[in-house]
């Protein structure tokens, strides 16, 4: 079998994958106001991290986003819905570029019911770098699933958003102590 380069990824081998979780959000849910406050602080560091990963060329950028129960929704539908939501200014800076890997999910973990594990294994990715929302929910559960699959794990403290600050901090501590995650900042990630 001949391995072909993936669209938008060049021909270099990636041993790290930057995973952006649930950033295509229309912010029309019950916890949206608390989440928006945190997202406002992390969207710029995430944007810089995405730019850095793309410039490097040796980091695979992947988006995994909730489909919000719409099983007919594709990438374009989720982007459009988020941009028409309450806070398009929080979505526009982090919209996936053409050719960027994208998967929809239906539960908390980026791994559950998706082809993420297969893709990472196929590309021989060793390190997973988690960003996105919500720290104490989807990021935490994705970290646990990455850990039990034996991926090295980094979580970017200033590129994850929480609903509850205390729970977000506790989730980061759990990922660090229980899942051996390296907690880093966007400017010291790669």
Protein backbone atom coordinates (compact mmCIF):
# COMPACT_ATOMS: atom_id res chain seq x y z
CA UNK A 1 0.00 0.00 0.00
CA UNK A 2 1.35 3.43 -0.95
CA UNK A 3 0.88 6.16 1.64
CA UNK A 4 -0.18 9.41 0.01
CA UNK A 5 0.31 12.80 1.65
CA UNK A 6 -2.85 14.18 3.18
CA UNK A 7 -4.42 17.29 1.73
CA UNK A 8 -2.98 20.43 3.24
CA UNK A 9 -0.36 18.54 5.21
CA UNK A 10 2.60 18.37 2.82
CA UNK A 11 4.85 15.34 2.78
CA UNK A 12 6.56 15.63 6.16
CA UNK A 13 5.86 13.04 8.83
CA UNK A 14 3.97 14.35 11.84
CA UNK A 15 4.61 12.82 15.22
CA UNK A 16 2.43 15.45 16.93
CA UNK A 17 -1.21 16.28 16.36
CA UNK A 18 -2.83 19.51 17.50
CA UNK A 19 -6.47 18.65 18.20
CA UNK A 20 -8.99 21.48 18.35
CA UNK A 21 -12.09 20.36 20.24
CA UNK A 22 -15.56 21.90 19.84
CA UNK A 23 -14.54 25.41 18.83
CA UNK A 24 -17.30 25.60 16.20
CA UNK A 25 -19.91 26.59 18.73
CA UNK A 26 -22.96 28.82 18.13
CA UNK A 27 -23.05 29.60 21.90
CA UNK A 28 -26.80 29.10 22.14
CA UNK A 29 -26.85 26.68 25.07
CA UNK A 30 -27.56 26.98 28.77
CA UNK A 31 -23.90 27.40 29.88
CA UNK A 32 -22.94 29.67 26.99
CA UNK A 33 -22.46 32.89 28.97
CA UNK A 34 -19.97 31.33 31.40
CA UNK A 35 -18.16 29.60 28.54
CA UNK A 36 -17.99 32.75 26.39
CA UNK A 37 -16.17 34.57 29.17
CA UNK A 38 -13.43 31.94 29.14
CA UNK A 39 -13.30 31.57 25.34
CA UNK A 40 -12.69 35.31 24.99
CA UNK A 41 -9.42 34.82 26.88
CA UNK A 42 -8.20 31.75 24.98
CA UNK A 43 -9.13 32.40 21.35
CA UNK A 44 -6.06 34.56 20.59
CA UNK A 45 -3.54 32.10 22.09
CA UNK A 46 -5.27 29.30 20.17
CA UNK A 47 -5.10 31.30 16.93
CA UNK A 48 -1.36 31.89 17.45
CA UNK A 49 -0.85 28.20 18.21
CA UNK A 50 -2.69 27.19 15.03
CA UNK A 51 -0.55 29.61 13.01
CA UNK A 52 2.61 28.20 14.58
CA UNK A 53 1.58 24.59 13.91
CA UNK A 54 0.80 25.36 10.28
CA UNK A 55 4.09 27.23 9.78
CA UNK A 56 6.06 24.34 11.22
CA UNK A 57 4.60 21.81 8.83
CA UNK A 58 5.43 18.86 11.11
CA UNK A 59 2.31 19.10 13.30
CA UNK A 60 -0.95 17.57 12.10
CA UNK A 61 -3.87 19.94 12.81
CA UNK A 62 -7.20 18.20 13.38
CA UNK A 63 -10.59 19.55 14.40
CA UNK A 64 -13.06 17.34 16.23
CA UNK A 65 -16.40 19.03 16.81
CA UNK A 66 -19.76 18.13 18.31
CA UNK A 67 -22.47 17.74 15.70
CA UNK A 68 -25.10 18.95 18.21
CA UNK A 69 -27.36 16.01 17.36
CA UNK A 70 -27.52 16.81 13.65
CA UNK A 71 -26.27 13.65 11.99
CA UNK A 72 -26.63 15.15 8.53
CA UNK A 73 -24.34 18.08 9.37
CA UNK A 74 -20.95 18.19 7.69
CA UNK A 75 -17.97 20.46 8.27
CA UNK A 76 -19.46 23.34 6.25
CA UNK A 77 -22.78 23.08 8.12
CA UNK A 78 -21.06 23.24 11.51
CA UNK A 79 -18.88 26.19 10.48
CA UNK A 80 -21.89 28.07 9.06
CA UNK A 81 -24.03 27.39 12.14
CA UNK A 82 -21.26 28.62 14.45
CA UNK A 83 -20.65 31.76 12.38
CA UNK A 84 -24.39 32.55 12.49
CA UNK A 85 -24.50 32.04 16.26
CA UNK A 86 -24.23 34.56 19.07
CA UNK A 87 -20.45 35.07 18.91
CA UNK A 88 -19.01 34.72 15.41
CA UNK A 89 -16.02 36.78 16.60
CA UNK A 90 -14.97 33.80 18.74
CA UNK A 91 -15.32 31.38 15.82
CA UNK A 92 -13.84 33.30 12.86
CA UNK A 93 -10.23 33.30 14.14
CA UNK A 94 -10.19 29.50 14.49
CA UNK A 95 -12.24 28.27 11.52
CA UNK A 96 -10.49 25.24 10.01
CA UNK A 97 -8.56 25.99 6.86
CA UNK A 98 -9.33 24.06 3.66
CA UNK A 99 -7.59 20.69 3.68
CA UNK A 100 -7.42 20.57 7.46
CA UNK A 101 -8.56 17.31 9.05
CA UNK A 102 -12.07 17.44 10.47
CA UNK A 103 -14.31 14.94 12.26
CA UNK A 104 -17.66 15.34 13.93
CA UNK A 105 -18.39 13.70 17.27
CA UNK A 106 -21.52 12.98 19.24
CA UNK A 107 -20.26 12.59 22.80
CA UNK A 108 -17.67 14.21 25.04
CA UNK A 109 -14.47 12.49 23.92
CA UNK A 110 -12.86 13.32 20.58
CA UNK A 111 -12.11 9.59 20.31
CA UNK A 112 -15.56 8.16 21.06
CA UNK A 113 -17.29 7.03 17.88
CA UNK A 114 -14.80 8.80 15.58
CA UNK A 115 -11.93 7.65 13.37
CA UNK A 116 -9.45 9.76 15.37
CA UNK A 117 -7.53 6.83 16.86
CA UNK A 118 -7.24 5.17 13.46
CA UNK A 119 -6.01 8.37 11.81
CA UNK A 120 -3.43 9.07 14.53
CA UNK A 121 -2.17 5.49 14.40
CA UNK A 122 -2.02 5.49 10.62
CA UNK A 123 0.07 8.66 10.66
CA UNK A 124 2.26 7.32 13.49
CA UNK A 125 1.41 10.27 15.73
CA UNK A 126 3.00 9.85 19.15
CA UNK A 127 1.94 13.08 20.87
CA UNK A 128 -1.53 14.56 21.12
CA UNK A 129 -1.86 18.26 21.96
CA UNK A 130 -5.34 19.18 23.18
CA UNK A 131 -7.00 22.58 22.85
CA UNK A 132 -10.58 23.82 22.75
CA UNK A 133 -13.58 23.59 24.98
CA UNK A 134 -14.73 22.61 27.59
CA UNK A 135 -11.72 21.89 29.84
CA UNK A 136 -13.70 20.04 32.51
CA UNK A 137 -15.77 18.10 30.01
CA UNK A 138 -14.71 17.28 26.43
CA UNK A 139 -11.03 18.16 26.87
CA UNK A 140 -10.80 16.05 30.04
CA UNK A 141 -12.52 13.02 28.51
CA UNK A 142 -10.44 13.30 25.33
CA UNK A 143 -7.29 13.43 27.46
CA UNK A 144 -8.28 10.27 29.28
CA UNK A 145 -8.96 8.49 26.00
CA UNK A 146 -5.60 9.66 24.59
CA UNK A 147 -3.84 8.46 27.74
CA UNK A 148 -5.39 4.97 27.72
CA UNK A 149 -4.35 4.71 24.06
CA UNK A 150 -0.74 5.40 25.07
CA UNK A 151 -0.34 8.77 23.37
CA UNK A 152 2.00 11.32 24.92
CA UNK A 153 -0.25 14.12 26.02
CA UNK A 154 -0.01 17.90 26.20
CA UNK A 155 -2.82 20.24 27.18
CA UNK A 156 -2.44 23.92 26.35
CA UNK A 157 -3.57 25.80 29.47
CA UNK A 158 -4.21 29.13 27.74
CA UNK A 159 -5.89 27.50 24.71
CA UNK A 160 -8.65 25.64 26.57
CA UNK A 161 -11.86 27.18 27.89
CA UNK A 162 -13.92 26.26 30.92
CA UNK A 163 -17.46 26.83 32.13
CA UNK A 164 -16.50 26.60 35.81
CA UNK A 165 -13.02 27.96 36.63
CA UNK A 166 -12.54 25.72 39.68
CA UNK A 167 -13.55 22.59 37.78
CA UNK A 168 -11.37 23.64 34.84
CA UNK A 169 -8.34 23.98 37.13
CA UNK A 170 -9.16 20.65 38.80
CA UNK A 171 -9.43 19.00 35.38
CA UNK A 172 -5.99 20.33 34.42
CA UNK A 173 -4.55 18.97 37.68
CA UNK A 174 -6.19 15.58 37.04
CA UNK A 175 -4.81 15.44 33.50
CA UNK A 176 -1.35 16.29 34.79
CA UNK A 177 -1.26 13.89 37.73
CA UNK A 178 -3.49 11.02 36.58
CA UNK A 179 -2.84 11.05 32.82
CA UNK A 180 0.77 12.27 32.80
CA UNK A 181 -0.23 15.25 30.67
CA UNK A 182 2.29 18.00 30.24
CA UNK A 183 0.43 21.26 30.87
CA UNK A 184 1.96 23.93 28.62
CA UNK A 185 1.21 27.40 27.29
CA UNK A 186 0.64 28.24 23.64
CA UNK A 187 3.95 30.05 23.29
CA UNK A 188 5.88 27.05 24.70
CA UNK A 189 3.92 24.23 23.14
CA UNK A 190 6.16 23.03 20.30
